[in-house]
Amino acid sequence: MSVYVDEAKYPFGRYVMCHMWADSREELFAMADRIGVQRKWFQCPPKASWEHFDIAKAKRTLAVRYGAIETDKYGPVVHVARLRGDTKKIATIEWLRIKFAGGVFD
């Protein structure tokens, strides 16, 4: 089981936000608690595509320090595709990673 953070940079007021998600809700909440992200900011369907938190850059740094795995911008899409068993989407993302980034993250 793992916790992940992407490299997204979404402005939100004075903050720059990214996504944090995990293989399990238990792990996600444990990391949120550890880095000081309130559970009230948890996002899940039907209002969100998948279970995650939007976190500020400083919280991302803490999450990585405590073991979160860094992913590229495609990380959330691959995560949702895996949950759905969408191997075609995963293959497409891997192709895009190679084409545009010259490498593969996971």
PDB file of N, CA and C in Angstrom:
ATOM      1  N   MET A   1       0.839  -1.180   0.000  1.00  0.00           N
ATOM      2  CA  MET A   1       0.000   0.000   0.000  1.00  0.00           C
ATOM      3  C   MET A   1       0.882   1.241   0.000  1.00  0.00           C
ATOM      4  N   SER A   2       0.394   2.313  -0.633  1.00  0.00           N
ATOM      5  CA  SER A   2       1.201   3.522  -0.766  1.00  0.00           C
ATOM      6  C   SER A   2       0.340   4.771  -0.809  1.00  0.00           C
ATOM      7  N   VAL A   3       0.988   5.899  -0.525  1.00  0.00           N
ATOM      8  CA  VAL A   3       0.401   7.229  -0.665  1.00  0.00           C
ATOM      9  C   VAL A   3       1.159   7.924  -1.788  1.00  0.00           C
ATOM     10  N   TYR A   4       0.450   8.702  -2.592  1.00  0.00           N
ATOM     11  CA  TYR A   4       1.041   9.350  -3.756  1.00  0.00           C
ATOM     12  C   TYR A   4       0.747  10.847  -3.753  1.00  0.00           C
ATOM     13  N   VAL A   5       1.664  11.615  -4.342  1.00  0.00           N
ATOM     14  CA  VAL A   5       1.442  13.043  -4.593  1.00  0.00           C
ATOM     15  C   VAL A   5       1.882  13.331  -6.023  1.00  0.00           C
ATOM     16  N   ASP A   6       1.100  14.147  -6.714  1.00  0.00           N
ATOM     17  CA  ASP A   6       1.475  14.486  -8.089  1.00  0.00           C
ATOM     18  C   ASP A   6       2.207  15.821  -8.136  1.00  0.00           C
ATOM     19  N   GLU A   7       2.595  16.197  -9.337  1.00  0.00           N
ATOM     20  CA  GLU A   7       3.339  17.439  -9.524  1.00  0.00           C
ATOM     21  C   GLU A   7       2.445  18.587  -9.988  1.00  0.00           C
ATOM     22  N   ALA A   8       1.141  18.416  -9.868  1.00  0.00           N
ATOM     23  CA  ALA A   8       0.204  19.468 -10.289  1.00  0.00           C
ATOM     24  C   ALA A   8       0.482  20.758  -9.524  1.00  0.00           C
ATOM     25  N   LYS A   9       0.157  21.861 -10.139  1.00  0.00           N
ATOM     26  CA  LYS A   9       0.344  23.179  -9.527  1.00  0.00           C
ATOM     27  C   LYS A   9      -0.889  24.021  -9.829  1.00  0.00           C
ATOM     28  N   TYR A  10      -1.926  23.818  -9.017  1.00  0.00           N
ATOM     29  CA  TYR A  10      -3.177  24.545  -9.194  1.00  0.00           C
ATOM     30  C   TYR A  10      -3.253  25.699  -8.213  1.00  0.00           C
ATOM     31  N   PRO A  11      -3.378  26.935  -8.705  1.00  0.00           N
ATOM     32  CA  PRO A  11      -3.503  28.062  -7.777  1.00  0.00           C
ATOM     33  C   PRO A  11      -4.829  28.016  -7.030  1.00  0.00           C
ATOM     34  N   PHE A  12      -4.746  28.287  -5.731  1.00  0.00           N
ATOM     35  CA  PHE A  12      -5.936  28.363  -4.888  1.00  0.00           C
ATOM     36  C   PHE A  12      -5.672  29.458  -3.863  1.00  0.00           C
ATOM     37  N   GLY A  13      -6.152  30.660  -4.166  1.00  0.00           N
ATOM     38  CA  GLY A  13      -5.833  31.797  -3.296  1.00  0.00           C
ATOM     39  C   GLY A  13      -4.331  32.030  -3.289  1.00  0.00           C
ATOM     40  N   ARG A  14      -3.750  32.072  -2.116  1.00  0.00           N
ATOM     41  CA  ARG A  14      -2.300  32.288  -2.012  1.00  0.00           C
ATOM     42  C   ARG A  14      -1.503  30.985  -2.055  1.00  0.00           C
ATOM     43  N   TYR A  15      -2.204  29.859  -2.200  1.00  0.00           N
ATOM     44  CA  TYR A  15      -1.551  28.549  -2.206  1.00  0.00           C
ATOM     45  C   TYR A  15      -1.424  27.986  -3.603  1.00  0.00           C
ATOM     46  N   VAL A  16      -0.493  27.061  -3.744  1.00  0.00           N
ATOM     47  CA  VAL A  16      -0.365  26.260  -4.953  1.00  0.00           C
ATOM     48  C   VAL A  16      -0.638  24.829  -4.506  1.00  0.00           C
ATOM     49  N   MET A  17      -1.628  24.216  -5.132  1.00  0.00           N
ATOM     50  CA  MET A  17      -2.118  22.917  -4.684  1.00  0.00           C
ATOM     51  C   MET A  17      -1.728  21.787  -5.631  1.00  0.00           C
ATOM     52  N   CYS A  18      -1.669  20.600  -5.064  1.00  0.00           N
ATOM     53  CA  CYS A  18      -1.497  19.372  -5.836  1.00  0.00           C
ATOM     54  C   CYS A  18      -2.429  18.330  -5.244  1.00  0.00           C
ATOM     55  N   HIS A  19      -2.357  17.093  -5.721  1.00  0.00           N
ATOM     56  CA  HIS A  19      -3.228  16.023  -5.253  1.00  0.00           C
ATOM     57  C   HIS A  19      -2.452  15.023  -4.406  1.00  0.00           C
ATOM     58  N   MET A  20      -3.113  14.486  -3.397  1.00  0.00           N
ATOM     59  CA  MET A  20      -2.571  13.383  -2.601  1.00  0.00           C
ATOM     60  C   MET A  20      -3.645  12.301  -2.538  1.00  0.00           C
ATOM     61  N   TRP A  21      -3.285  11.059  -2.864  1.00  0.00           N
ATOM     62  CA  TRP A  21      -4.211   9.943  -2.832  1.00  0.00           C
ATOM     63  C   TRP A  21      -3.447   8.710  -2.372  1.00  0.00           C
ATOM     64  N   ALA A  22      -4.145   7.617  -2.168  1.00  0.00           N
ATOM     65  CA  ALA A  22      -3.496   6.408  -1.667  1.00  0.00           C
ATOM     66  C   ALA A  22      -4.199   5.162  -2.176  1.00  0.00           C
ATOM     67  N   ASP A  23      -3.561   4.035  -1.930  1.00  0.00           N
ATOM     68  CA  ASP A  23      -4.156   2.755  -2.302  1.00  0.00           C
ATOM     69  C   ASP A  23      -5.343   2.407  -1.407  1.00  0.00           C
ATOM     70  N   SER A  24      -5.375   2.989  -0.203  1.00  0.00           N
ATOM     71  CA  SER A  24      -6.509   2.749   0.688  1.00  0.00           C
ATOM     72  C   SER A  24      -6.884   4.051   1.399  1.00  0.00           C
ATOM     73  N   ARG A  25      -8.152   4.157   1.762  1.00  0.00           N
ATOM     74  CA  ARG A  25      -8.618   5.343   2.485  1.00  0.00           C
ATOM     75  C   ARG A  25      -7.915   5.433   3.841  1.00  0.00           C
ATOM     76  N   GLU A  26      -7.705   4.302   4.475  1.00  0.00           N
ATOM     77  CA  GLU A  26      -7.020   4.280   5.778  1.00  0.00           C
ATOM     78  C   GLU A  26      -5.628   4.910   5.679  1.00  0.00           C
ATOM     79  N   GLU A  27      -4.884   4.526   4.658  1.00  0.00           N
ATOM     80  CA  GLU A  27      -3.547   5.094   4.455  1.00  0.00           C
ATOM     81  C   GLU A  27      -3.612   6.585   4.132  1.00  0.00           C
ATOM     82  N   LEU A  28      -4.571   6.960   3.314  1.00  0.00           N
ATOM     83  CA  LEU A  28      -4.724   8.365   2.944  1.00  0.00           C
ATOM     84  C   LEU A  28      -5.013   9.215   4.182  1.00  0.00           C
ATOM     85  N   PHE A  29      -5.940   8.762   5.014  1.00  0.00           N
ATOM     86  CA  PHE A  29      -6.274   9.510   6.230  1.00  0.00           C
ATOM     87  C   PHE A  29      -5.103   9.535   7.209  1.00  0.00           C
ATOM     88  N   ALA A  30      -4.365   8.447   7.298  1.00  0.00           N
ATOM     89  CA  ALA A  30      -3.202   8.414   8.194  1.00  0.00           C
ATOM     90  C   ALA A  30      -2.178   9.463   7.771  1.00  0.00           C
ATOM     91  N   MET A  31      -1.935   9.572   6.454  1.00  0.00           N
ATOM     92  CA  MET A  31      -0.971  10.571   5.978  1.00  0.00           C
ATOM     93  C   MET A  31      -1.521  11.982   6.176  1.00  0.00           C
ATOM     94  N   ALA A  32      -2.793  12.179   5.892  1.00  0.00           N
ATOM     95  CA  ALA A  32      -3.401  13.502   6.094  1.00  0.00           C
ATOM     96  C   ALA A  32      -3.251  13.927   7.553  1.00  0.00           C
ATOM     97  N   ASP A  33      -3.533  13.011   8.468  1.00  0.00           N
ATOM     98  CA  ASP A  33      -3.381  13.315   9.894  1.00  0.00           C
ATOM     99  C   ASP A  33      -1.931  13.649  10.223  1.00  0.00           C
ATOM    100  N   ARG A  34      -1.019  12.881   9.672  1.00  0.00           N
ATOM    101  CA  ARG A  34       0.409  13.071   9.980  1.00  0.00           C
ATOM    102  C   ARG A  34       0.933  14.415   9.496  1.00  0.00           C
ATOM    103  N   ILE A  35       0.465  14.881   8.334  1.00  0.00           N
ATOM    104  CA  ILE A  35       0.984  16.139   7.783  1.00  0.00           C
ATOM    105  C   ILE A  35       0.107  17.342   8.124  1.00  0.00           C
ATOM    106  N   GLY A  36      -0.961  17.108   8.871  1.00  0.00           N
ATOM    107  CA  GLY A  36      -1.798  18.213   9.329  1.00  0.00           C
ATOM    108  C   GLY A  36      -2.840  18.708   8.342  1.00  0.00           C
ATOM    109  N   VAL A  37      -3.358  17.807   7.516  1.00  0.00           N
ATOM    110  CA  VAL A  37      -4.439  18.162   6.595  1.00  0.00           C
ATOM    111  C   VAL A  37      -5.746  17.685   7.220  1.00  0.00           C
ATOM    112  N   GLN A  38      -6.672  18.595   7.376  1.00  0.00           N
ATOM    113  CA  GLN A  38      -7.948  18.250   8.006  1.00  0.00           C
ATOM    114  C   GLN A  38      -8.771  17.324   7.114  1.00  0.00           C
ATOM    115  N   ARG A  39      -9.377  16.341   7.745  1.00  0.00           N
ATOM    116  CA  ARG A  39     -10.185  15.368   7.003  1.00  0.00           C
ATOM    117  C   ARG A  39     -11.384  16.003   6.315  1.00  0.00           C
ATOM    118  N   LYS A  40     -11.804  17.171   6.756  1.00  0.00           N
ATOM    119  CA  LYS A  40     -12.945  17.813   6.098  1.00  0.00           C
ATOM    120  C   LYS A  40     -12.633  18.189   4.654  1.00  0.00           C
ATOM    121  N   TRP A  41     -11.357  18.198   4.271  1.00  0.00           N
ATOM    122  CA  TRP A  41     -10.959  18.534   2.902  1.00  0.00           C
ATOM    123  C   TRP A  41     -10.904  17.311   1.990  1.00  0.00           C
ATOM    124  N   PHE A  42     -11.248  16.162   2.534  1.00  0.00           N
ATOM    125  CA  PHE A  42     -11.287  14.919   1.756  1.00  0.00           C
ATOM    126  C   PHE A  42     -12.293  15.058   0.619  1.00  0.00           C
ATOM    127  N   GLN A  43     -11.901  14.620  -0.573  1.00  0.00           N
ATOM    128  CA  GLN A  43     -12.772  14.674  -1.742  1.00  0.00           C
ATOM    129  C   GLN A  43     -13.008  13.260  -2.258  1.00  0.00           C
ATOM    130  N   CYS A  44     -14.261  12.986  -2.602  1.00  0.00           N
ATOM    131  CA  CYS A  44     -14.581  11.654  -3.102  1.00  0.00           C
ATOM    132  C   CYS A  44     -15.798  11.748  -4.031  1.00  0.00           C
ATOM    133  N   PRO A  45     -16.034  10.664  -4.798  1.00  0.00           N
ATOM    134  CA  PRO A  45     -17.225  10.654  -5.644  1.00  0.00           C
ATOM    135  C   PRO A  45     -18.481  10.822  -4.800  1.00  0.00           C
ATOM    136  N   PRO A  46     -19.513  11.437  -5.305  1.00  0.00           N
ATOM    137  CA  PRO A  46     -19.698  11.829  -6.700  1.00  0.00           C
ATOM    138  C   PRO A  46     -19.151  13.211  -7.037  1.00  0.00           C
ATOM    139  N   LYS A  47     -18.663  13.964  -6.056  1.00  0.00           N
ATOM    140  CA  LYS A  47     -18.177  15.317  -6.344  1.00  0.00           C
ATOM    141  C   LYS A  47     -16.772  15.332  -6.937  1.00  0.00           C
ATOM    142  N   ALA A  48     -16.020  14.256  -6.765  1.00  0.00           N
ATOM    143  CA  ALA A  48     -14.663  14.154  -7.308  1.00  0.00           C
ATOM    144  C   ALA A  48     -14.550  12.841  -8.078  1.00  0.00           C
ATOM    145  N   SER A  49     -13.554  12.742  -8.936  1.00  0.00           N
ATOM    146  CA  SER A  49     -13.373  11.532  -9.739  1.00  0.00           C
ATOM    147  C   SER A  49     -12.845  10.351  -8.929  1.00  0.00           C
ATOM    148  N   TRP A  50     -12.104  10.666  -7.885  1.00  0.00           N
ATOM    149  CA  TRP A  50     -11.513   9.620  -7.056  1.00  0.00           C
ATOM    150  C   TRP A  50     -11.256  10.191  -5.670  1.00  0.00           C
ATOM    151  N   GLU A  51     -10.934   9.319  -4.714  1.00  0.00           N
ATOM    152  CA  GLU A  51     -10.695   9.746  -3.341  1.00  0.00           C
ATOM    153  C   GLU A  51      -9.310  10.378  -3.211  1.00  0.00           C
ATOM    154  N   HIS A  52      -9.295  11.637  -2.766  1.00  0.00           N
ATOM    155  CA  HIS A  52      -8.017  12.348  -2.647  1.00  0.00           C
ATOM    156  C   HIS A  52      -8.177  13.603  -1.801  1.00  0.00           C
ATOM    157  N   PHE A  53      -7.050  14.234  -1.537  1.00  0.00           N
ATOM    158  CA  PHE A  53      -7.000  15.563  -0.948  1.00  0.00           C
ATOM    159  C   PHE A  53      -6.274  16.477  -1.916  1.00  0.00           C
ATOM    160  N   ASP A  54      -6.683  17.732  -1.984  1.00  0.00           N
ATOM    161  CA  ASP A  54      -5.861  18.761  -2.606  1.00  0.00           C
ATOM    162  C   ASP A  54      -5.029  19.317  -1.462  1.00  0.00           C
ATOM    163  N   ILE A  55      -3.709  19.324  -1.647  1.00  0.00           N
ATOM    164  CA  ILE A  55      -2.828  19.798  -0.581  1.00  0.00           C
ATOM    165  C   ILE A  55      -1.884  20.872  -1.094  1.00  0.00           C
ATOM    166  N   ALA A  56      -1.462  21.752  -0.202  1.00  0.00           N
ATOM    167  CA  ALA A  56      -0.534  22.830  -0.538  1.00  0.00           C
ATOM    168  C   ALA A  56       0.888  22.278  -0.683  1.00  0.00           C
ATOM    169  N   LYS A  57       1.719  23.039  -1.347  1.00  0.00           N
ATOM    170  CA  LYS A  57       3.096  22.634  -1.625  1.00  0.00           C
ATOM    171  C   LYS A  57       3.856  22.245  -0.352  1.00  0.00           C
ATOM    172  N   ALA A  58       3.678  23.005   0.727  1.00  0.00           N
ATOM    173  CA  ALA A  58       4.376  22.696   1.981  1.00  0.00           C
ATOM    174  C   ALA A  58       3.927  21.341   2.534  1.00  0.00           C
ATOM    175  N   LYS A  59       2.650  21.025   2.407  1.00  0.00           N
ATOM    176  CA  LYS A  59       2.140  19.729   2.865  1.00  0.00           C
ATOM    177  C   LYS A  59       2.652  18.606   1.971  1.00  0.00           C
ATOM    178  N   ARG A  60       2.818  18.906   0.680  1.00  0.00           N
ATOM    179  CA  ARG A  60       3.377  17.919  -0.246  1.00  0.00           C
ATOM    180  C   ARG A  60       4.789  17.547   0.186  1.00  0.00           C
ATOM    181  N   THR A  61       5.578  18.563   0.534  1.00  0.00           N
ATOM    182  CA  THR A  61       6.948  18.326   0.991  1.00  0.00           C
ATOM    183  C   THR A  61       6.952  17.415   2.216  1.00  0.00           C
ATOM    184  N   LEU A  62       6.051  17.676   3.153  1.00  0.00           N
ATOM    185  CA  LEU A  62       5.951  16.822   4.345  1.00  0.00           C
ATOM    186  C   LEU A  62       5.543  15.399   3.975  1.00  0.00           C
ATOM    187  N   ALA A  63       4.572  15.268   3.083  1.00  0.00           N
ATOM    188  CA  ALA A  63       4.111  13.941   2.676  1.00  0.00           C
ATOM    189  C   ALA A  63       5.263  13.134   2.075  1.00  0.00           C
ATOM    190  N   VAL A  64       6.053  13.769   1.225  1.00  0.00           N
ATOM    191  CA  VAL A  64       7.205  13.089   0.621  1.00  0.00           C
ATOM    192  C   VAL A  64       8.209  12.702   1.705  1.00  0.00           C
ATOM    193  N   ARG A  65       8.443  13.605   2.640  1.00  0.00           N
ATOM    194  CA  ARG A  65       9.365  13.310   3.744  1.00  0.00           C
ATOM    195  C   ARG A  65       8.911  12.067   4.513  1.00  0.00           C
ATOM    196  N   TYR A  66       7.582  11.888   4.639  1.00  0.00           N
ATOM    197  CA  TYR A  66       7.039  10.758   5.381  1.00  0.00           C
ATOM    198  C   TYR A  66       6.727   9.547   4.506  1.00  0.00           C
ATOM    199  N   GLY A  67       7.211   9.564   3.269  1.00  0.00           N
ATOM    200  CA  GLY A  67       7.129   8.370   2.443  1.00  0.00           C
ATOM    201  C   GLY A  67       6.198   8.385   1.254  1.00  0.00           C
ATOM    202  N   ALA A  68       5.508   9.487   0.997  1.00  0.00           N
ATOM    203  CA  ALA A  68       4.642   9.543  -0.184  1.00  0.00           C
ATOM    204  C   ALA A  68       5.481   9.417  -1.456  1.00  0.00           C
ATOM    205  N   ILE A  69       4.925   8.784  -2.438  1.00  0.00           N
ATOM    206  CA  ILE A  69       5.602   8.568  -3.716  1.00  0.00           C
ATOM    207  C   ILE A  69       5.225   9.688  -4.670  1.00  0.00           C
ATOM    208  N   GLU A  70       6.226  10.326  -5.254  1.00  0.00           N
ATOM    209  CA  GLU A  70       5.987  11.405  -6.206  1.00  0.00           C
ATOM    210  C   GLU A  70       5.633  10.821  -7.571  1.00  0.00           C
ATOM    211  N   THR A  71       4.615  11.405  -8.191  1.00  0.00           N
ATOM    212  CA  THR A  71       4.232  10.991  -9.536  1.00  0.00           C
ATOM    213  C   THR A  71       4.170  12.220 -10.437  1.00  0.00           C
ATOM    214  N   ASP A  72       4.081  11.966 -11.708  1.00  0.00           N
ATOM    215  CA  ASP A  72       3.910  13.059 -12.657  1.00  0.00           C
ATOM    216  C   ASP A  72       2.427  13.446 -12.723  1.00  0.00           C
ATOM    217  N   LYS A  73       2.109  14.303 -13.654  1.00  0.00           N
ATOM    218  CA  LYS A  73       0.723  14.796 -13.765  1.00  0.00           C
ATOM    219  C   LYS A  73      -0.269  13.703 -14.143  1.00  0.00           C
ATOM    220  N   TYR A  74       0.225  12.608 -14.674  1.00  0.00           N
ATOM    221  CA  TYR A  74      -0.655  11.522 -15.080  1.00  0.00           C
ATOM    222  C   TYR A  74      -0.956  10.535 -13.950  1.00  0.00           C
ATOM    223  N   GLY A  75      -0.297  10.673 -12.819  1.00  0.00           N
ATOM    224  CA  GLY A  75      -0.472   9.745 -11.711  1.00  0.00           C
ATOM    225  C   GLY A  75      -1.919   9.503 -11.312  1.00  0.00           C
ATOM    226  N   PRO A  76      -2.709  10.569 -11.110  1.00  0.00           N
ATOM    227  CA  PRO A  76      -4.109  10.346 -10.736  1.00  0.00           C
ATOM    228  C   PRO A  76      -4.914   9.602 -11.810  1.00  0.00           C
ATOM    229  N   VAL A  77      -4.634   9.884 -13.068  1.00  0.00           N
ATOM    230  CA  VAL A  77      -5.363   9.229 -14.159  1.00  0.00           C
ATOM    231  C   VAL A  77      -5.050   7.735 -14.178  1.00  0.00           C
ATOM    232  N   VAL A  78      -3.777   7.397 -13.985  1.00  0.00           N
ATOM    233  CA  VAL A  78      -3.382   5.987 -13.948  1.00  0.00           C
ATOM    234  C   VAL A  78      -4.018   5.296 -12.745  1.00  0.00           C
ATOM    235  N   HIS A  79      -4.032   5.978 -11.609  1.00  0.00           N
ATOM    236  CA  HIS A  79      -4.634   5.411 -10.403  1.00  0.00           C
ATOM    237  C   HIS A  79      -6.102   5.054 -10.642  1.00  0.00           C
ATOM    238  N   VAL A  80      -6.864   5.980 -11.179  1.00  0.00           N
ATOM    239  CA  VAL A  80      -8.287   5.739 -11.441  1.00  0.00           C
ATOM    240  C   VAL A  80      -8.445   4.634 -12.494  1.00  0.00           C
ATOM    241  N   ALA A  81      -7.608   4.643 -13.511  1.00  0.00           N
ATOM    242  CA  ALA A  81      -7.678   3.611 -14.550  1.00  0.00           C
ATOM    243  C   ALA A  81      -7.411   2.229 -13.954  1.00  0.00           C
ATOM    244  N   ARG A  82      -6.460   2.141 -13.031  1.00  0.00           N
ATOM    245  CA  ARG A  82      -6.193   0.852 -12.381  1.00  0.00           C
ATOM    246  C   ARG A  82      -7.393   0.397 -11.561  1.00  0.00           C
ATOM    247  N   LEU A  83      -7.995   1.323 -10.832  1.00  0.00           N
ATOM    248  CA  LEU A  83      -9.174   0.977 -10.041  1.00  0.00           C
ATOM    249  C   LEU A  83     -10.292   0.428 -10.919  1.00  0.00           C
ATOM    250  N   ARG A  84     -10.395   0.962 -12.119  1.00  0.00           N
ATOM    251  CA  ARG A  84     -11.464   0.566 -13.049  1.00  0.00           C
ATOM    252  C   ARG A  84     -11.058  -0.592 -13.965  1.00  0.00           C
ATOM    253  N   GLY A  85      -9.793  -0.996 -13.894  1.00  0.00           N
ATOM    254  CA  GLY A  85      -9.321  -2.061 -14.777  1.00  0.00           C
ATOM    255  C   GLY A  85      -9.206  -1.629 -16.220  1.00  0.00           C
ATOM    256  N   ASP A  86      -8.974  -0.343 -16.452  1.00  0.00           N
ATOM    257  CA  ASP A  86      -8.914   0.224 -17.806  1.00  0.00           C
ATOM    258  C   ASP A  86      -7.482   0.156 -18.335  1.00  0.00           C
ATOM    259  N   THR A  87      -7.108  -1.011 -18.854  1.00  0.00           N
ATOM    260  CA  THR A  87      -5.742  -1.204 -19.344  1.00  0.00           C
ATOM    261  C   THR A  87      -5.441  -0.359 -20.583  1.00  0.00           C
ATOM    262  N   LYS A  88      -6.456  -0.069 -21.368  1.00  0.00           N
ATOM    263  CA  LYS A  88      -6.254   0.775 -22.558  1.00  0.00           C
ATOM    264  C   LYS A  88      -5.832   2.188 -22.140  1.00  0.00           C
ATOM    265  N   LYS A  89      -6.490   2.732 -21.109  1.00  0.00           N
ATOM    266  CA  LYS A  89      -6.141   4.066 -20.614  1.00  0.00           C
ATOM    267  C   LYS A  89      -4.709   4.065 -20.062  1.00  0.00           C
ATOM    268  N   ILE A  90      -4.353   3.026 -19.324  1.00  0.00           N
ATOM    269  CA  ILE A  90      -3.007   2.929 -18.759  1.00  0.00           C
ATOM    270  C   ILE A  90      -1.972   2.900 -19.873  1.00  0.00           C
ATOM    271  N   ALA A  91      -2.219   2.135 -20.908  1.00  0.00           N
ATOM    272  CA  ALA A  91      -1.287   2.059 -22.042  1.00  0.00           C
ATOM    273  C   ALA A  91      -1.163   3.411 -22.734  1.00  0.00           C
ATOM    274  N   THR A  92      -2.262   4.111 -22.879  1.00  0.00           N
ATOM    275  CA  THR A  92      -2.234   5.439 -23.498  1.00  0.00           C
ATOM    276  C   THR A  92      -1.386   6.403 -22.677  1.00  0.00           C
ATOM    277  N   ILE A  93      -1.550   6.370 -21.356  1.00  0.00           N
ATOM    278  CA  ILE A  93      -0.780   7.260 -20.481  1.00  0.00           C
ATOM    279  C   ILE A  93       0.704   6.919 -20.561  1.00  0.00           C
ATOM    280  N   GLU A  94       1.040   5.651 -20.569  1.00  0.00           N
ATOM    281  CA  GLU A  94       2.454   5.267 -20.680  1.00  0.00           C
ATOM    282  C   GLU A  94       3.049   5.784 -21.993  1.00  0.00           C
ATOM    283  N   TRP A  95       2.278   5.721 -23.063  1.00  0.00           N
ATOM    284  CA  TRP A  95       2.738   6.240 -24.343  1.00  0.00           C
ATOM    285  C   TRP A  95       2.961   7.755 -24.259  1.00  0.00           C
ATOM    286  N   LEU A  96       2.010   8.467 -23.631  1.00  0.00           N
ATOM    287  CA  LEU A  96       2.148   9.916 -23.483  1.00  0.00           C
ATOM    288  C   LEU A  96       3.367  10.287 -22.637  1.00  0.00           C
ATOM    289  N   ARG A  97       3.593   9.529 -21.578  1.00  0.00           N
ATOM    290  CA  ARG A  97       4.760   9.795 -20.728  1.00  0.00           C
ATOM    291  C   ARG A  97       6.054   9.683 -21.527  1.00  0.00           C
ATOM    292  N   ILE A  98       6.135   8.648 -22.316  1.00  0.00           N
ATOM    293  CA  ILE A  98       7.346   8.448 -23.119  1.00  0.00           C
ATOM    294  C   ILE A  98       7.479   9.538 -24.171  1.00  0.00           C
ATOM    295  N   LYS A  99       6.398   9.854 -24.832  1.00  0.00           N
ATOM    296  CA  LYS A  99       6.416  10.856 -25.898  1.00  0.00           C
ATOM    297  C   LYS A  99       6.788  12.250 -25.395  1.00  0.00           C
ATOM    298  N   PHE A 100       6.153  12.675 -24.283  1.00  0.00           N
ATOM    299  CA  PHE A 100       6.332  14.047 -23.831  1.00  0.00           C
ATOM    300  C   PHE A 100       7.364  14.259 -22.729  1.00  0.00           C
ATOM    301  N   ALA A 101       7.661  13.217 -21.980  1.00  0.00           N
ATOM    302  CA  ALA A 101       8.581  13.401 -20.859  1.00  0.00           C
ATOM    303  C   ALA A 101       9.888  12.652 -21.057  1.00  0.00           C
ATOM    304  N   GLY A 102       9.910  11.778 -22.011  1.00  0.00           N
ATOM    305  CA  GLY A 102      11.131  11.025 -22.236  1.00  0.00           C
ATOM    306  C   GLY A 102      11.398   9.981 -21.172  1.00  0.00           C
ATOM    307  N   GLY A 103      10.400   9.652 -20.376  1.00  0.00           N
ATOM    308  CA  GLY A 103      10.575   8.649 -19.331  1.00  0.00           C
ATOM    309  C   GLY A 103       9.247   8.225 -18.762  1.00  0.00           C
ATOM    310  N   VAL A 104       9.297   7.272 -17.864  1.00  0.00           N
ATOM    311  CA  VAL A 104       8.078   6.720 -17.276  1.00  0.00           C
ATOM    312  C   VAL A 104       8.155   6.836 -15.758  1.00  0.00           C
ATOM    313  N   PHE A 105       7.094   7.346 -15.170  1.00  0.00           N
ATOM    314  CA  PHE A 105       6.929   7.378 -13.714  1.00  0.00           C
ATOM    315  C   PHE A 105       5.816   6.412 -13.374  1.00  0.00           C
ATOM    316  N   ASP A 106       5.761   6.018 -12.139  1.00  0.00           N
ATOM    317  CA  ASP A 106       4.622   5.214 -11.711  1.00  0.00           C
ATOM    318  C   ASP A 106       4.253   5.498 -10.300  1.00  0.00           C
TER     319      ASP A 106
END
